[in-house]
Amino acid sequence: MLNIELSDSQIYITEELNPTLGNINGDFLVRFWGVRGLIPTPSSSTTRYGGNTACVEMYVAGQRLIFDGGTGLRVLGKTYQQQQPLTANLFFTNSQSNRIQGFPFFAPAFSPENSFYIYGISASNGASIKQYLCDQMLQPYFPYPLQRMKSQMEFCNLTPGKIVELNDIKITTALINKNQRSVGYRIDWQEYSVAYTTDLHDNLDLDEERETLKLIQDVDLLIANATYNPPTSYNHESAELLWKIAVDLAHRGSVKKLVITHHHPDDHDDFLDKIQDEVNTAFPDALVAREGMVFYLNS
């Protein structure tokens, strides 16, 4: 059974309104901390859906799983301050800035009592996950190198198709975007499953389509991106293009619930309200992601 809790944008969530994961009922929880693509978009017109870039947290059978490290990761890190020492697993989909830009501001990584397992595939230039996280923290881009992070870190280089097992949790990977060297993830635990595929595009080749469909088949929850063609001129009139790919794949994969995230920076709250209405006509059990949105898969 999948339940949902709709909250205000993460901008307004305080520690009092945001209980620690250990105090939340249910063994499979999904929470959205960042829902934007490209760049952070703090604005009075994005307060309801949120302006932080990609970050989704999952709490599965006592394990903390974090997918992508956009600026939402900084906000998530603040909630961990009262939970240390802690251990968490970070899974990156690709090496682009909107997926990693929050990592240097992830405060728990600077505390020596914490431990992190960090997963990702090599970038298009061959750089490893450790290398591209390290490079963005070098002078002149950032004042403190990765070596200033005193937590215990283990970097795990993934290859598409590799399966990661954390006790009885299985995390399956697949290359869903060859051009961007981006992977999707499927998380299986007991009879519950979530797919995180947030680099779909409107020209999937046969291999990308096949791998994506294998990853999302029959999942309880599919988290997929809106599709657009950055950074060219953007036209709100083509709203259907934002959700068409995700909805088509959700139907073909017999997905139970769909959440569309990774919103374009120009997508203001009123426009996303319109997208919510439109997408429900094509896939009734679909939602447009908001920061602070929480799903309970087995409550």
C-alpha atoms as a PDB file:
ATOM      1  CA  MET A   1       0.000   0.000   0.000  1.00  0.00           C
ATOM      2  CA  LEU A   2       1.360   3.422  -0.945  1.00  0.00           C
ATOM      3  CA  ASN A   3       0.338   6.480   1.078  1.00  0.00           C
ATOM      4  CA  ILE A   4       1.317  10.059   0.403  1.00  0.00           C
ATOM      5  CA  GLU A   5       1.742  13.100   2.587  1.00  0.00           C
ATOM      6  CA  LEU A   6       1.586  16.437   0.787  1.00  0.00           C
ATOM      7  CA  SER A   7       3.469  19.184   2.585  1.00  0.00           C
ATOM      8  CA  ASP A   8       4.382  22.752   1.787  1.00  0.00           C
ATOM      9  CA  SER A   9       7.596  23.544  -0.019  1.00  0.00           C
ATOM     10  CA  GLN A  10      10.742  22.552   1.860  1.00  0.00           C
ATOM     11  CA  ILE A  11      11.419  26.269   2.247  1.00  0.00           C
ATOM     12  CA  TYR A  12       8.930  26.285   5.115  1.00  0.00           C
ATOM     13  CA  ILE A  13       9.761  22.968   6.777  1.00  0.00           C
ATOM     14  CA  THR A  14      11.355  23.318  10.204  1.00  0.00           C
ATOM     15  CA  GLU A  15      12.885  20.647  12.435  1.00  0.00           C
ATOM     16  CA  GLU A  16       9.624  20.531  14.401  1.00  0.00           C
ATOM     17  CA  LEU A  17       7.627  19.813  11.239  1.00  0.00           C
ATOM     18  CA  ASN A  18      10.251  17.433   9.901  1.00  0.00           C
ATOM     19  CA  PRO A  19      10.647  14.432  12.242  1.00  0.00           C
ATOM     20  CA  THR A  20      13.761  12.306  11.969  1.00  0.00           C
ATOM     21  CA  LEU A  21      13.416   9.230   9.808  1.00  0.00           C
ATOM     22  CA  GLY A  22      13.852   6.917  12.753  1.00  0.00           C
ATOM     23  CA  ASN A  23      10.674   8.322  14.293  1.00  0.00           C
ATOM     24  CA  ILE A  24       8.509   7.849  11.193  1.00  0.00           C
ATOM     25  CA  ASN A  25       6.160   4.882  10.872  1.00  0.00           C
ATOM     26  CA  GLY A  26       6.805   2.534   7.985  1.00  0.00           C
ATOM     27  CA  ASP A  27       9.931   0.834   6.683  1.00  0.00           C
ATOM     28  CA  PHE A  28       9.965   2.308   3.141  1.00  0.00           C
ATOM     29  CA  LEU A  29       9.731   6.061   2.923  1.00  0.00           C
ATOM     30  CA  VAL A  30      10.521   8.433   0.029  1.00  0.00           C
ATOM     31  CA  ARG A  31      10.990  12.178   0.558  1.00  0.00           C
ATOM     32  CA  PHE A  32      11.746  14.933  -1.971  1.00  0.00           C
ATOM     33  CA  TRP A  33      14.306  17.574  -0.987  1.00  0.00           C
ATOM     34  CA  GLY A  34      15.026  19.062  -4.440  1.00  0.00           C
ATOM     35  CA  VAL A  35      12.806  18.993  -7.530  1.00  0.00           C
ATOM     36  CA  ARG A  36      14.414  21.447 -10.001  1.00  0.00           C
ATOM     37  CA  GLY A  37      16.568  20.811 -13.034  1.00  0.00           C
ATOM     38  CA  LEU A  38      19.502  22.847 -14.311  1.00  0.00           C
ATOM     39  CA  ILE A  39      19.892  25.527 -11.600  1.00  0.00           C
ATOM     40  CA  PRO A  40      18.351  26.398  -8.218  1.00  0.00           C
ATOM     41  CA  THR A  41      15.357  28.697  -8.589  1.00  0.00           C
ATOM     42  CA  PRO A  42      14.583  30.557  -5.355  1.00  0.00           C
ATOM     43  CA  SER A  43      11.685  32.862  -6.095  1.00  0.00           C
ATOM     44  CA  SER A  44       8.328  34.008  -4.802  1.00  0.00           C
ATOM     45  CA  SER A  45       6.829  32.145  -7.773  1.00  0.00           C
ATOM     46  CA  THR A  46       8.377  28.781  -6.786  1.00  0.00           C
ATOM     47  CA  THR A  47       7.545  28.621  -3.078  1.00  0.00           C
ATOM     48  CA  ARG A  48       4.846  25.944  -3.354  1.00  0.00           C
ATOM     49  CA  TYR A  49       6.821  23.468  -5.464  1.00  0.00           C
ATOM     50  CA  GLY A  50      10.324  24.476  -4.419  1.00  0.00           C
ATOM     51  CA  GLY A  51      13.483  25.738  -6.055  1.00  0.00           C
ATOM     52  CA  ASN A  52      16.273  23.356  -4.955  1.00  0.00           C
ATOM     53  CA  THR A  53      17.938  21.068  -7.477  1.00  0.00           C
ATOM     54  CA  ALA A  54      17.653  17.282  -7.440  1.00  0.00           C
ATOM     55  CA  CYS A  55      17.755  15.311  -4.201  1.00  0.00           C
ATOM     56  CA  VAL A  56      15.516  12.434  -3.111  1.00  0.00           C
ATOM     57  CA  GLU A  57      15.909  10.577   0.180  1.00  0.00           C
ATOM     58  CA  MET A  58      14.706   7.045   0.814  1.00  0.00           C
ATOM     59  CA  TYR A  59      14.586   5.264   4.145  1.00  0.00           C
ATOM     60  CA  VAL A  60      14.380   1.530   3.537  1.00  0.00           C
ATOM     61  CA  ALA A  61      14.516  -1.089   6.299  1.00  0.00           C
ATOM     62  CA  GLY A  62      16.767   1.118   8.412  1.00  0.00           C
ATOM     63  CA  GLN A  63      19.068   2.138   5.546  1.00  0.00           C
ATOM     64  CA  ARG A  64      19.403   5.752   4.394  1.00  0.00           C
ATOM     65  CA  LEU A  65      19.590   6.066   0.613  1.00  0.00           C
ATOM     66  CA  ILE A  66      20.092   9.470  -1.030  1.00  0.00           C
ATOM     67  CA  PHE A  67      19.676   9.936  -4.782  1.00  0.00           C
ATOM     68  CA  ASP A  68      21.510  12.892  -6.313  1.00  0.00           C
ATOM     69  CA  GLY A  69      23.181  15.750  -4.510  1.00  0.00           C
ATOM     70  CA  GLY A  70      21.737  18.977  -5.879  1.00  0.00           C
ATOM     71  CA  THR A  71      21.116  21.896  -3.537  1.00  0.00           C
ATOM     72  CA  GLY A  72      18.355  19.923  -1.805  1.00  0.00           C
ATOM     73  CA  LEU A  73      21.173  17.872  -0.239  1.00  0.00           C
ATOM     74  CA  ARG A  74      22.249  20.885   1.819  1.00  0.00           C
ATOM     75  CA  VAL A  75      18.763  21.175   3.323  1.00  0.00           C
ATOM     76  CA  LEU A  76      18.651  17.431   4.006  1.00  0.00           C
ATOM     77  CA  GLY A  77      22.035  17.670   5.721  1.00  0.00           C
ATOM     78  CA  LYS A  78      20.669  20.199   8.203  1.00  0.00           C
ATOM     79  CA  THR A  79      18.098  17.664   9.410  1.00  0.00           C
ATOM     80  CA  TYR A  80      20.878  15.155  10.108  1.00  0.00           C
ATOM     81  CA  GLN A  81      22.645  17.388  12.619  1.00  0.00           C
ATOM     82  CA  GLN A  82      20.799  15.846  15.575  1.00  0.00           C
ATOM     83  CA  GLN A  83      21.196  12.270  14.287  1.00  0.00           C
ATOM     84  CA  GLN A  84      24.948  11.863  14.319  1.00  0.00           C
ATOM     85  CA  PRO A  85      26.796   9.588  14.152  1.00  0.00           C
ATOM     86  CA  LEU A  86      25.098   8.342  11.006  1.00  0.00           C
ATOM     87  CA  THR A  87      25.709   6.170   7.972  1.00  0.00           C
ATOM     88  CA  ALA A  88      24.150   6.870   4.575  1.00  0.00           C
ATOM     89  CA  ASN A  89      24.462   5.779   0.948  1.00  0.00           C
ATOM     90  CA  LEU A  90      24.599   8.408  -1.808  1.00  0.00           C
ATOM     91  CA  PHE A  91      23.750   7.432  -5.386  1.00  0.00           C
ATOM     92  CA  PHE A  92      24.519   9.902  -8.177  1.00  0.00           C
ATOM     93  CA  THR A  93      22.865   9.638 -11.585  1.00  0.00           C
ATOM     94  CA  ASN A  94      25.435  11.662 -13.523  1.00  0.00           C
ATOM     95  CA  SER A  95      28.208  14.229 -13.142  1.00  0.00           C
ATOM     96  CA  GLN A  96      26.341  17.371 -14.188  1.00  0.00           C
ATOM     97  CA  SER A  97      26.314  20.334 -11.833  1.00  0.00           C
ATOM     98  CA  ASN A  98      22.629  20.155 -10.920  1.00  0.00           C
ATOM     99  CA  ARG A  99      23.193  16.625  -9.531  1.00  0.00           C
ATOM    100  CA  ILE A 100      26.344  17.339  -7.503  1.00  0.00           C
ATOM    101  CA  GLN A 101      26.333  21.061  -6.611  1.00  0.00           C
ATOM    102  CA  GLY A 102      24.926  20.512  -3.123  1.00  0.00           C
ATOM    103  CA  PHE A 103      27.636  18.028  -2.097  1.00  0.00           C
ATOM    104  CA  PRO A 104      30.215  20.643  -0.950  1.00  0.00           C
ATOM    105  CA  PHE A 105      27.527  22.084   1.365  1.00  0.00           C
ATOM    106  CA  PHE A 106      26.495  18.743   2.891  1.00  0.00           C
ATOM    107  CA  ALA A 107      27.459  19.508   6.502  1.00  0.00           C
ATOM    108  CA  PRO A 108      27.414  15.903   7.836  1.00  0.00           C
ATOM    109  CA  ALA A 109      30.279  15.055   5.464  1.00  0.00           C
ATOM    110  CA  PHE A 110      32.568  17.325   7.522  1.00  0.00           C
ATOM    111  CA  SER A 111      31.986  15.391  10.770  1.00  0.00           C
ATOM    112  CA  PRO A 112      34.469  12.554  11.463  1.00  0.00           C
ATOM    113  CA  GLU A 113      31.879  10.400  13.275  1.00  0.00           C
ATOM    114  CA  ASN A 114      29.794   9.937  10.100  1.00  0.00           C
ATOM    115  CA  SER A 115      30.215   7.390   7.293  1.00  0.00           C
ATOM    116  CA  PHE A 116      29.101   7.628   3.662  1.00  0.00           C
ATOM    117  CA  TYR A 117      29.141   5.165   0.777  1.00  0.00           C
ATOM    118  CA  ILE A 118      29.118   7.107  -2.483  1.00  0.00           C
ATOM    119  CA  TYR A 119      28.080   5.486  -5.784  1.00  0.00           C
ATOM    120  CA  GLY A 120      28.240   6.733  -9.368  1.00  0.00           C
ATOM    121  CA  ILE A 121      29.379   5.864 -12.868  1.00  0.00           C
ATOM    122  CA  SER A 122      32.229   7.498 -14.743  1.00  0.00           C
ATOM    123  CA  ALA A 123      31.529  10.798 -16.479  1.00  0.00           C
ATOM    124  CA  SER A 124      31.602  11.285 -20.249  1.00  0.00           C
ATOM    125  CA  ASN A 125      35.255  12.383 -19.974  1.00  0.00           C
ATOM    126  CA  GLY A 126      36.154   9.234 -18.008  1.00  0.00           C
ATOM    127  CA  ALA A 127      36.312  10.918 -14.589  1.00  0.00           C
ATOM    128  CA  SER A 128      35.352   8.707 -11.659  1.00  0.00           C
ATOM    129  CA  ILE A 129      32.688   9.617  -9.108  1.00  0.00           C
ATOM    130  CA  LYS A 130      35.398  10.665  -6.638  1.00  0.00           C
ATOM    131  CA  GLN A 131      37.199  12.738  -9.241  1.00  0.00           C
ATOM    132  CA  TYR A 132      34.233  14.801 -10.370  1.00  0.00           C
ATOM    133  CA  LEU A 133      33.044  15.440  -6.836  1.00  0.00           C
ATOM    134  CA  CYS A 134      36.598  16.468  -5.944  1.00  0.00           C
ATOM    135  CA  ASP A 135      37.096  18.687  -9.006  1.00  0.00           C
ATOM    136  CA  GLN A 136      34.162  20.967  -8.208  1.00  0.00           C
ATOM    137  CA  MET A 137      35.699  21.665  -4.783  1.00  0.00           C
ATOM    138  CA  LEU A 138      39.089  22.796  -6.101  1.00  0.00           C
ATOM    139  CA  GLN A 139      40.250  26.397  -6.258  1.00  0.00           C
ATOM    140  CA  PRO A 140      39.105  28.723  -7.780  1.00  0.00           C
ATOM    141  CA  TYR A 141      35.618  27.151  -7.731  1.00  0.00           C
ATOM    142  CA  PHE A 142      35.384  26.400  -4.007  1.00  0.00           C
ATOM    143  CA  PRO A 143      37.455  27.429  -0.968  1.00  0.00           C
ATOM    144  CA  TYR A 144      37.731  24.003   0.698  1.00  0.00           C
ATOM    145  CA  PRO A 145      38.946  20.806  -1.000  1.00  0.00           C
ATOM    146  CA  LEU A 146      37.206  17.475  -0.535  1.00  0.00           C
ATOM    147  CA  GLN A 147      39.986  16.477   1.867  1.00  0.00           C
ATOM    148  CA  ARG A 148      38.497  18.905   4.418  1.00  0.00           C
ATOM    149  CA  MET A 149      35.524  16.562   4.678  1.00  0.00           C
ATOM    150  CA  LYS A 150      36.520  14.439   7.674  1.00  0.00           C
ATOM    151  CA  SER A 151      33.758  11.823   7.517  1.00  0.00           C
ATOM    152  CA  GLN A 152      34.578   8.280   6.488  1.00  0.00           C
ATOM    153  CA  MET A 153      33.913   8.034   2.743  1.00  0.00           C
ATOM    154  CA  GLU A 154      34.028   5.019   0.471  1.00  0.00           C
ATOM    155  CA  PHE A 155      33.684   5.720  -3.246  1.00  0.00           C
ATOM    156  CA  CYS A 156      32.118   2.965  -5.319  1.00  0.00           C
ATOM    157  CA  ASN A 157      32.498   3.090  -9.101  1.00  0.00           C
ATOM    158  CA  LEU A 158      29.440   1.649 -10.806  1.00  0.00           C
ATOM    159  CA  THR A 159      29.065   0.177 -14.259  1.00  0.00           C
ATOM    160  CA  PRO A 160      25.592   0.130 -15.843  1.00  0.00           C
ATOM    161  CA  GLY A 161      23.796  -3.089 -15.004  1.00  0.00           C
ATOM    162  CA  LYS A 162      25.571  -3.558 -11.687  1.00  0.00           C
ATOM    163  CA  ILE A 163      23.399  -4.569  -8.727  1.00  0.00           C
ATOM    164  CA  VAL A 164      24.152  -3.166  -5.272  1.00  0.00           C
ATOM    165  CA  GLU A 165      22.885  -5.183  -2.306  1.00  0.00           C
ATOM    166  CA  LEU A 166      22.472  -3.610   1.129  1.00  0.00           C
ATOM    167  CA  ASN A 167      21.268  -6.426   3.376  1.00  0.00           C
ATOM    168  CA  ASP A 168      17.940  -7.405   1.779  1.00  0.00           C
ATOM    169  CA  ILE A 169      17.646  -4.231  -0.323  1.00  0.00           C
ATOM    170  CA  LYS A 170      18.520  -4.636  -4.016  1.00  0.00           C
ATOM    171  CA  ILE A 171      19.486  -1.593  -6.091  1.00  0.00           C
ATOM    172  CA  THR A 172      19.638  -2.240  -9.828  1.00  0.00           C
ATOM    173  CA  THR A 173      21.298   0.167 -12.259  1.00  0.00           C
ATOM    174  CA  ALA A 174      20.873   0.815 -15.980  1.00  0.00           C
ATOM    175  CA  LEU A 175      22.232   3.323 -18.494  1.00  0.00           C
ATOM    176  CA  ILE A 176      19.168   5.357 -19.492  1.00  0.00           C
ATOM    177  CA  ASN A 177      20.899   8.241 -21.276  1.00  0.00           C
ATOM    178  CA  LYS A 178      24.034   7.460 -23.250  1.00  0.00           C
ATOM    179  CA  ASN A 179      24.817  11.033 -24.226  1.00  0.00           C
ATOM    180  CA  GLN A 180      24.756  12.310 -20.656  1.00  0.00           C
ATOM    181  CA  ARG A 181      26.214   9.090 -19.197  1.00  0.00           C
ATOM    182  CA  SER A 182      23.279   8.944 -16.797  1.00  0.00           C
ATOM    183  CA  VAL A 183      22.063   5.912 -14.883  1.00  0.00           C
ATOM    184  CA  GLY A 184      18.660   5.066 -13.496  1.00  0.00           C
ATOM    185  CA  TYR A 185      18.088   3.095 -10.296  1.00  0.00           C
ATOM    186  CA  ARG A 186      15.523   0.563  -9.172  1.00  0.00           C
ATOM    187  CA  ILE A 187      15.169  -0.107  -5.445  1.00  0.00           C
ATOM    188  CA  ASP A 188      13.544  -3.407  -4.408  1.00  0.00           C
ATOM    189  CA  TRP A 189      12.780  -4.438  -0.853  1.00  0.00           C
ATOM    190  CA  GLN A 190      10.403  -7.261   0.018  1.00  0.00           C
ATOM    191  CA  GLU A 191       7.408  -6.751  -2.301  1.00  0.00           C
ATOM    192  CA  TYR A 192       7.951  -2.987  -2.691  1.00  0.00           C
ATOM    193  CA  SER A 193       9.800  -1.161  -5.458  1.00  0.00           C
ATOM    194  CA  VAL A 194      10.723   2.353  -6.599  1.00  0.00           C
ATOM    195  CA  ALA A 195      12.427   3.437  -9.825  1.00  0.00           C
ATOM    196  CA  TYR A 196      14.429   6.658 -10.068  1.00  0.00           C
ATOM    197  CA  THR A 197      14.901   7.577 -13.743  1.00  0.00           C
ATOM    198  CA  THR A 198      15.484  11.312 -13.977  1.00  0.00           C
ATOM    199  CA  ASP A 199      17.415  11.780 -17.215  1.00  0.00           C
ATOM    200  CA  LEU A 200      14.868  10.647 -19.791  1.00  0.00           C
ATOM    201  CA  HIS A 201      14.809  12.487 -23.103  1.00  0.00           C
ATOM    202  CA  ASP A 202      12.514  12.656 -26.111  1.00  0.00           C
ATOM    203  CA  ASN A 203      14.765  10.703 -28.475  1.00  0.00           C
ATOM    204  CA  LEU A 204      15.390   7.460 -26.577  1.00  0.00           C
ATOM    205  CA  ASP A 205      17.110   4.896 -28.755  1.00  0.00           C
ATOM    206  CA  LEU A 206      16.118   1.242 -28.609  1.00  0.00           C
ATOM    207  CA  ASP A 207      18.757   0.353 -26.015  1.00  0.00           C
ATOM    208  CA  GLU A 208      17.828   3.242 -23.707  1.00  0.00           C
ATOM    209  CA  GLU A 209      14.127   2.446 -24.036  1.00  0.00           C
ATOM    210  CA  ARG A 210      14.647  -1.254 -23.331  1.00  0.00           C
ATOM    211  CA  GLU A 211      16.852  -0.607 -20.293  1.00  0.00           C
ATOM    212  CA  THR A 212      14.444   1.961 -18.887  1.00  0.00           C
ATOM    213  CA  LEU A 213      11.424  -0.307 -19.289  1.00  0.00           C
ATOM    214  CA  LYS A 214      13.230  -3.177 -17.568  1.00  0.00           C
ATOM    215  CA  LEU A 215      14.061  -0.871 -14.669  1.00  0.00           C
ATOM    216  CA  ILE A 216      10.540   0.492 -14.153  1.00  0.00           C
ATOM    217  CA  GLN A 217       8.452  -2.613 -14.861  1.00  0.00           C
ATOM    218  CA  ASP A 218       5.612  -2.990 -12.314  1.00  0.00           C
ATOM    219  CA  VAL A 219       7.141  -0.610  -9.750  1.00  0.00           C
ATOM    220  CA  ASP A 220       4.998   0.880  -7.004  1.00  0.00           C
ATOM    221  CA  LEU A 221       6.464   4.328  -7.614  1.00  0.00           C
ATOM    222  CA  LEU A 222       8.245   5.765 -10.648  1.00  0.00           C
ATOM    223  CA  ILE A 223      10.159   9.027 -10.194  1.00  0.00           C
ATOM    224  CA  ALA A 224      10.827  10.478 -13.642  1.00  0.00           C
ATOM    225  CA  ASN A 225      11.925  13.824 -15.019  1.00  0.00           C
ATOM    226  CA  ALA A 226      10.098  16.379 -17.061  1.00  0.00           C
ATOM    227  CA  THR A 227      11.685  16.557 -20.516  1.00  0.00           C
ATOM    228  CA  TYR A 228      12.822  19.759 -22.222  1.00  0.00           C
ATOM    229  CA  ASN A 229      15.751  20.923 -24.285  1.00  0.00           C
ATOM    230  CA  PRO A 230      17.970  23.217 -22.190  1.00  0.00           C
ATOM    231  CA  PRO A 231      19.364  25.785 -22.483  1.00  0.00           C
ATOM    232  CA  THR A 232      17.533  26.919 -25.636  1.00  0.00           C
ATOM    233  CA  SER A 233      14.522  29.218 -25.580  1.00  0.00           C
ATOM    234  CA  TYR A 234      11.667  27.774 -23.587  1.00  0.00           C
ATOM    235  CA  ASN A 235       7.992  27.853 -24.477  1.00  0.00           C
ATOM    236  CA  HIS A 236       5.332  27.134 -21.892  1.00  0.00           C
ATOM    237  CA  GLU A 237       2.844  26.390 -24.672  1.00  0.00           C
ATOM    238  CA  SER A 238       4.466  22.983 -25.252  1.00  0.00           C
ATOM    239  CA  ALA A 239       3.409  21.781 -21.792  1.00  0.00           C
ATOM    240  CA  GLU A 240       2.486  18.291 -22.973  1.00  0.00           C
ATOM    241  CA  LEU A 241       6.096  17.645 -23.957  1.00  0.00           C
ATOM    242  CA  LEU A 242       7.104  17.916 -20.308  1.00  0.00           C
ATOM    243  CA  TRP A 243       5.198  14.832 -19.207  1.00  0.00           C
ATOM    244  CA  LYS A 244       4.528  12.853 -22.383  1.00  0.00           C
ATOM    245  CA  ILE A 245       7.649  10.649 -22.251  1.00  0.00           C
ATOM    246  CA  ALA A 246       7.244   9.809 -18.561  1.00  0.00           C
ATOM    247  CA  VAL A 247       3.534   9.012 -18.919  1.00  0.00           C
ATOM    248  CA  ASP A 248       4.087   6.842 -21.982  1.00  0.00           C
ATOM    249  CA  LEU A 249       6.766   4.808 -20.195  1.00  0.00           C
ATOM    250  CA  ALA A 250       4.637   4.556 -17.044  1.00  0.00           C
ATOM    251  CA  HIS A 251       1.772   3.053 -19.039  1.00  0.00           C
ATOM    252  CA  ARG A 252       4.015   0.622 -20.887  1.00  0.00           C
ATOM    253  CA  GLY A 253       5.775  -0.405 -17.674  1.00  0.00           C
ATOM    254  CA  SER A 254       2.519  -0.955 -15.739  1.00  0.00           C
ATOM    255  CA  VAL A 255       3.667   1.546 -13.108  1.00  0.00           C
ATOM    256  CA  LYS A 256       1.315   2.042 -10.156  1.00  0.00           C
ATOM    257  CA  LYS A 257       2.159   5.674  -9.308  1.00  0.00           C
ATOM    258  CA  LEU A 258       4.154   8.297 -11.197  1.00  0.00           C
ATOM    259  CA  VAL A 259       5.883  11.408  -9.854  1.00  0.00           C
ATOM    260  CA  ILE A 260       7.272  13.948 -12.311  1.00  0.00           C
ATOM    261  CA  THR A 261      10.207  15.979 -11.026  1.00  0.00           C
ATOM    262  CA  HIS A 262      13.252  17.910 -12.296  1.00  0.00           C
ATOM    263  CA  HIS A 263      11.153  20.941 -13.237  1.00  0.00           C
ATOM    264  CA  HIS A 264      12.495  23.584 -15.593  1.00  0.00           C
ATOM    265  CA  PRO A 265      13.686  26.756 -13.788  1.00  0.00           C
ATOM    266  CA  ASP A 266      11.046  28.789 -15.663  1.00  0.00           C
ATOM    267  CA  ASP A 267       8.173  26.580 -14.453  1.00  0.00           C
ATOM    268  CA  HIS A 268       6.444  28.741 -11.858  1.00  0.00           C
ATOM    269  CA  ASP A 269       3.911  27.391  -9.369  1.00  0.00           C
ATOM    270  CA  ASP A 270       0.811  28.299 -11.378  1.00  0.00           C
ATOM    271  CA  PHE A 271       2.218  26.617 -14.470  1.00  0.00           C
ATOM    272  CA  LEU A 272       3.017  23.453 -12.507  1.00  0.00           C
ATOM    273  CA  ASP A 273      -0.568  23.469 -11.211  1.00  0.00           C
ATOM    274  CA  LYS A 274      -1.629  23.367 -14.852  1.00  0.00           C
ATOM    275  CA  ILE A 275       0.779  20.497 -15.536  1.00  0.00           C
ATOM    276  CA  GLN A 276      -0.729  18.578 -12.602  1.00  0.00           C
ATOM    277  CA  ASP A 277      -4.209  18.881 -14.119  1.00  0.00           C
ATOM    278  CA  GLU A 278      -3.017  17.913 -17.589  1.00  0.00           C
ATOM    279  CA  VAL A 279      -0.974  14.905 -16.562  1.00  0.00           C
ATOM    280  CA  ASN A 280      -3.866  13.490 -14.543  1.00  0.00           C
ATOM    281  CA  THR A 281      -5.965  13.287 -17.679  1.00  0.00           C
ATOM    282  CA  ALA A 282      -3.366  10.944 -19.173  1.00  0.00           C
ATOM    283  CA  PHE A 283      -2.269   9.102 -16.014  1.00  0.00           C
ATOM    284  CA  PRO A 284      -4.705   9.558 -13.095  1.00  0.00           C
ATOM    285  CA  ASP A 285      -2.285   8.287 -10.443  1.00  0.00           C
ATOM    286  CA  ALA A 286       0.402  10.871 -11.165  1.00  0.00           C
ATOM    287  CA  LEU A 287       1.753  13.800  -9.172  1.00  0.00           C
ATOM    288  CA  VAL A 288       4.035  16.728  -9.878  1.00  0.00           C
ATOM    289  CA  ALA A 289       6.817  16.692  -7.290  1.00  0.00           C
ATOM    290  CA  ARG A 290       7.038  19.279  -4.531  1.00  0.00           C
ATOM    291  CA  GLU A 291       9.813  19.699  -2.000  1.00  0.00           C
ATOM    292  CA  GLY A 292       8.749  18.068   1.244  1.00  0.00           C
ATOM    293  CA  MET A 293       6.489  15.534  -0.469  1.00  0.00           C
ATOM    294  CA  VAL A 294       6.620  12.183   1.359  1.00  0.00           C
ATOM    295  CA  PHE A 295       5.508   8.708   0.263  1.00  0.00           C
ATOM    296  CA  TYR A 296       5.041   5.714   2.566  1.00  0.00           C
ATOM    297  CA  LEU A 297       5.140   2.522   0.550  1.00  0.00           C
ATOM    298  CA  ASN A 298       4.248   0.023   3.266  1.00  0.00           C
ATOM    299  CA  SER A 299       2.394   1.933   5.965  1.00  0.00           C
END
